[in-house]
N, C-alpha and C. Protein backbone atom coordinates (compact mmCIF):
# COMPACT_ATOMS: atom_id res chain seq x y z
N MET A 1 133.54 81.93 107.86
CA MET A 1 132.87 82.97 107.15
C MET A 1 133.87 84.06 106.79
N ARG A 2 133.87 84.55 105.58
CA ARG A 2 134.80 85.57 105.11
C ARG A 2 134.24 86.96 105.36
N TYR A 3 135.13 87.82 105.82
CA TYR A 3 134.77 89.21 106.03
C TYR A 3 135.68 90.07 105.15
N TYR A 4 135.11 90.94 104.39
CA TYR A 4 135.86 91.82 103.51
C TYR A 4 135.65 93.26 103.95
N ILE A 5 136.67 94.10 103.73
CA ILE A 5 136.50 95.53 103.97
C ILE A 5 135.51 96.08 102.96
N SER A 6 135.71 95.68 101.73
CA SER A 6 134.73 96.01 100.69
C SER A 6 134.44 94.71 99.94
N ALA A 7 133.29 94.61 99.42
CA ALA A 7 132.91 93.38 98.73
C ALA A 7 133.74 93.20 97.46
N PRO A 8 134.10 91.94 97.12
CA PRO A 8 134.85 91.72 95.90
C PRO A 8 134.02 92.11 94.68
N PRO A 9 134.68 92.53 93.61
CA PRO A 9 133.91 92.93 92.43
C PRO A 9 133.15 91.75 91.83
N MET A 10 131.96 92.00 91.39
CA MET A 10 131.12 90.97 90.79
C MET A 10 131.43 90.78 89.30
N ASN A 11 131.93 91.83 88.69
CA ASN A 11 132.22 91.77 87.27
C ASN A 11 133.48 90.92 87.05
N PRO A 12 133.44 89.88 86.20
CA PRO A 12 134.60 89.02 85.98
C PRO A 12 135.78 89.79 85.36
N LEU A 13 135.50 90.78 84.55
CA LEU A 13 136.57 91.57 83.95
C LEU A 13 137.31 92.38 85.01
N LEU A 14 136.60 92.91 85.99
CA LEU A 14 137.23 93.64 87.09
C LEU A 14 138.03 92.70 88.00
N ARG A 15 137.56 91.47 88.15
CA ARG A 15 138.31 90.49 88.95
C ARG A 15 139.65 90.16 88.29
N VAL A 16 139.64 89.98 86.99
CA VAL A 16 140.88 89.68 86.26
C VAL A 16 141.81 90.89 86.33
N PHE A 17 141.26 92.09 86.14
CA PHE A 17 142.06 93.31 86.22
C PHE A 17 142.68 93.46 87.61
N SER A 18 141.92 93.17 88.66
CA SER A 18 142.43 93.27 90.03
C SER A 18 143.54 92.24 90.27
N ALA A 19 143.38 91.03 89.75
CA ALA A 19 144.40 89.99 89.91
C ALA A 19 145.68 90.39 89.19
N VAL A 20 145.57 90.90 87.96
CA VAL A 20 146.75 91.31 87.21
C VAL A 20 147.43 92.48 87.90
N LEU A 21 146.64 93.44 88.38
CA LEU A 21 147.20 94.58 89.10
C LEU A 21 147.91 94.13 90.38
N GLY A 22 147.32 93.19 91.10
CA GLY A 22 147.96 92.66 92.31
C GLY A 22 149.27 91.96 92.00
N LEU A 23 149.32 91.19 90.91
CA LEU A 23 150.56 90.52 90.52
C LEU A 23 151.62 91.53 90.10
N LEU A 24 151.23 92.59 89.42
CA LEU A 24 152.18 93.63 89.04
C LEU A 24 152.75 94.35 90.26
N VAL A 25 151.91 94.60 91.24
CA VAL A 25 152.38 95.23 92.48
C VAL A 25 153.36 94.31 93.21
N LEU A 26 153.04 93.02 93.29
CA LEU A 26 153.95 92.07 93.94
C LEU A 26 155.28 91.96 93.20
N ALA A 27 155.23 91.90 91.87
CA ALA A 27 156.47 91.83 91.08
C ALA A 27 157.29 93.11 91.25
N GLY A 28 156.62 94.25 91.27
CA GLY A 28 157.33 95.51 91.48
C GLY A 28 157.99 95.58 92.84
N ALA A 29 157.30 95.12 93.87
CA ALA A 29 157.88 95.11 95.21
C ALA A 29 159.08 94.16 95.28
N PHE A 30 158.98 93.02 94.60
CA PHE A 30 160.08 92.06 94.58
C PHE A 30 161.31 92.66 93.91
N PHE A 31 161.14 93.28 92.75
CA PHE A 31 162.28 93.86 92.04
C PHE A 31 162.83 95.09 92.76
N PHE A 32 161.97 95.86 93.41
CA PHE A 32 162.44 96.98 94.21
C PHE A 32 163.32 96.46 95.36
N GLY A 33 162.90 95.37 95.98
CA GLY A 33 163.70 94.77 97.04
C GLY A 33 165.04 94.27 96.53
N LEU A 34 165.05 93.68 95.32
CA LEU A 34 166.31 93.23 94.74
C LEU A 34 167.25 94.40 94.48
N ILE A 35 166.70 95.50 94.00
CA ILE A 35 167.54 96.67 93.72
C ILE A 35 168.11 97.23 95.03
N VAL A 36 167.29 97.32 96.06
CA VAL A 36 167.78 97.82 97.35
C VAL A 36 168.84 96.88 97.91
N LEU A 37 168.62 95.57 97.81
CA LEU A 37 169.61 94.60 98.27
C LEU A 37 170.91 94.74 97.51
N GLY A 38 170.84 94.92 96.20
CA GLY A 38 172.05 95.11 95.39
C GLY A 38 172.81 96.36 95.78
N ILE A 39 172.08 97.45 96.03
CA ILE A 39 172.73 98.69 96.45
C ILE A 39 173.42 98.50 97.79
N LEU A 40 172.76 97.81 98.72
CA LEU A 40 173.36 97.58 100.03
C LEU A 40 174.60 96.68 99.93
N LEU A 41 174.55 95.67 99.08
CA LEU A 41 175.71 94.80 98.90
C LEU A 41 176.90 95.56 98.32
N VAL A 42 176.64 96.39 97.31
CA VAL A 42 177.72 97.17 96.71
C VAL A 42 178.28 98.16 97.72
N ALA A 43 177.42 98.81 98.50
CA ALA A 43 177.89 99.74 99.52
C ALA A 43 178.73 99.01 100.58
N GLY A 44 178.30 97.81 100.97
CA GLY A 44 179.07 97.03 101.94
C GLY A 44 180.43 96.62 101.39
N LEU A 45 180.48 96.24 100.12
CA LEU A 45 181.75 95.88 99.51
C LEU A 45 182.69 97.09 99.43
N VAL A 46 182.17 98.23 99.04
CA VAL A 46 183.00 99.44 98.97
C VAL A 46 183.49 99.82 100.36
N PHE A 47 182.62 99.75 101.35
CA PHE A 47 182.98 100.08 102.73
C PHE A 47 184.06 99.12 103.24
N GLY A 48 183.87 97.83 103.03
CA GLY A 48 184.86 96.84 103.47
C GLY A 48 186.18 96.98 102.75
N LEU A 49 186.14 97.24 101.45
CA LEU A 49 187.37 97.42 100.68
C LEU A 49 188.12 98.66 101.14
N SER A 50 187.39 99.72 101.47
CA SER A 50 188.07 100.93 101.94
C SER A 50 188.76 100.68 103.28
N PHE A 51 188.11 99.93 104.20
CA PHE A 51 188.76 99.60 105.47
C PHE A 51 189.98 98.71 105.25
N TRP A 52 189.87 97.75 104.35
CA TRP A 52 191.01 96.86 104.07
C TRP A 52 192.17 97.65 103.49
N LEU A 53 191.89 98.54 102.54
CA LEU A 53 192.96 99.35 101.94
C LEU A 53 193.58 100.28 102.96
N ARG A 54 192.77 100.85 103.85
CA ARG A 54 193.33 101.72 104.88
C ARG A 54 194.23 100.93 105.82
N GLY A 55 193.82 99.75 106.22
CA GLY A 55 194.67 98.91 107.06
C GLY A 55 195.95 98.52 106.37
N TRP A 56 195.87 98.18 105.10
CA TRP A 56 197.06 97.83 104.32
C TRP A 56 198.00 99.02 104.25
N TRP A 57 197.44 100.21 104.01
CA TRP A 57 198.25 101.42 103.89
C TRP A 57 198.94 101.73 105.22
N LEU A 58 198.24 101.56 106.33
CA LEU A 58 198.84 101.83 107.63
C LEU A 58 199.88 100.77 108.00
N ARG A 59 199.63 99.50 107.67
CA ARG A 59 200.60 98.45 107.96
C ARG A 59 201.86 98.60 107.12
N ARG A 60 201.71 99.19 105.95
CA ARG A 60 202.85 99.36 105.05
C ARG A 60 203.88 100.28 105.68
N GLY A 61 203.47 101.29 106.44
CA GLY A 61 204.39 102.23 107.06
C GLY A 61 204.74 101.87 108.49
N ALA A 62 204.29 100.72 108.99
CA ALA A 62 204.56 100.33 110.38
C ALA A 62 206.02 99.92 110.52
N PRO A 63 206.61 100.06 111.74
CA PRO A 63 208.00 99.65 111.94
C PRO A 63 208.16 98.14 111.79
N VAL A 64 209.34 97.74 111.37
CA VAL A 64 209.64 96.32 111.13
C VAL A 64 209.75 95.60 112.47
N GLN A 65 209.18 94.41 112.58
CA GLN A 65 209.23 93.62 113.80
C GLN A 65 210.52 92.81 113.85
N SER A 66 211.15 92.78 115.01
CA SER A 66 212.35 91.96 115.20
C SER A 66 211.93 90.49 115.30
N GLU A 67 212.75 89.60 114.76
CA GLU A 67 212.39 88.18 114.76
C GLU A 67 212.55 87.57 116.15
N ARG A 68 213.56 88.02 116.94
CA ARG A 68 213.81 87.41 118.24
C ARG A 68 212.88 87.93 119.33
N THR A 69 212.70 89.23 119.43
CA THR A 69 211.96 89.79 120.55
C THR A 69 210.51 90.09 120.20
N GLY A 70 210.22 90.29 118.94
CA GLY A 70 208.86 90.64 118.56
C GLY A 70 208.54 92.10 118.79
N LYS A 71 209.57 92.91 119.16
CA LYS A 71 209.38 94.33 119.39
C LYS A 71 209.89 95.10 118.17
N PRO A 72 209.39 96.29 117.96
CA PRO A 72 209.88 97.08 116.82
C PRO A 72 211.35 97.43 116.97
N ASP A 73 212.09 97.40 115.87
CA ASP A 73 213.52 97.75 115.87
C ASP A 73 213.66 99.26 115.79
N GLU A 74 213.32 99.95 116.87
CA GLU A 74 213.42 101.40 116.88
C GLU A 74 214.85 101.84 117.19
N ASN A 75 215.52 101.13 118.11
CA ASN A 75 216.89 101.48 118.50
C ASN A 75 217.86 100.56 117.78
N ARG A 76 218.27 100.94 116.62
CA ARG A 76 219.14 100.07 115.82
C ARG A 76 220.59 100.15 116.28
N ASP A 77 220.95 101.11 117.15
CA ASP A 77 222.33 101.23 117.59
C ASP A 77 222.61 100.44 118.87
N ILE A 78 221.67 99.69 119.39
CA ILE A 78 221.87 98.88 120.60
C ILE A 78 222.42 97.52 120.18
N LEU A 79 223.49 97.10 120.85
CA LEU A 79 224.11 95.82 120.58
C LEU A 79 223.61 94.81 121.61
N ASP A 80 223.08 93.71 121.15
CA ASP A 80 222.57 92.67 122.02
C ASP A 80 223.57 91.53 122.05
N ALA A 81 224.09 91.18 123.25
CA ALA A 81 225.10 90.12 123.34
C ALA A 81 224.98 89.40 124.67
N GLU A 82 225.60 88.21 124.74
CA GLU A 82 225.69 87.46 125.99
C GLU A 82 227.06 87.71 126.60
N TYR A 83 227.13 87.70 127.91
CA TYR A 83 228.41 87.95 128.58
C TYR A 83 228.50 87.11 129.84
N THR A 84 229.74 86.96 130.34
CA THR A 84 230.01 86.24 131.59
C THR A 84 230.80 87.16 132.51
N VAL A 85 230.40 87.26 133.76
CA VAL A 85 231.10 88.10 134.74
C VAL A 85 232.38 87.38 135.15
N VAL A 86 233.54 88.04 134.96
CA VAL A 86 234.82 87.43 135.28
C VAL A 86 235.20 87.73 136.73
N SER A 87 235.09 88.98 137.12
CA SER A 87 235.41 89.33 138.50
C SER A 87 234.52 90.49 138.95
N ARG A 88 234.39 90.61 140.27
CA ARG A 88 233.61 91.69 140.84
C ARG A 88 234.49 92.49 141.80
N ARG A 89 234.28 93.77 141.84
CA ARG A 89 234.99 94.61 142.80
C ARG A 89 234.35 94.48 144.18
N ARG A 90 235.19 94.44 145.16
CA ARG A 90 234.68 94.43 146.53
C ARG A 90 235.07 95.73 147.20
N GLU A 91 234.15 96.35 147.79
CA GLU A 91 234.43 97.62 148.44
C GLU A 91 234.46 97.49 149.92
């Protein structure tokens, strides 16, 4: 058994008008959702692009990594070499 808040209109012209109005409301809600989704996608792309550009800008000024040690070459005046101990002093 169907229960209505208010009885459906008996006039066929009002039924058609109600159906058309309901379809227009549904279409409007659908397109409003598409617009909101588009705005959110564009905002997400701008936000992500700004973070990527900031990271690129910061990496651009970062110190150069040494190939052997993987540490930054901050002390360029240090000489790295291998050596052999020839003799030791005894006290």
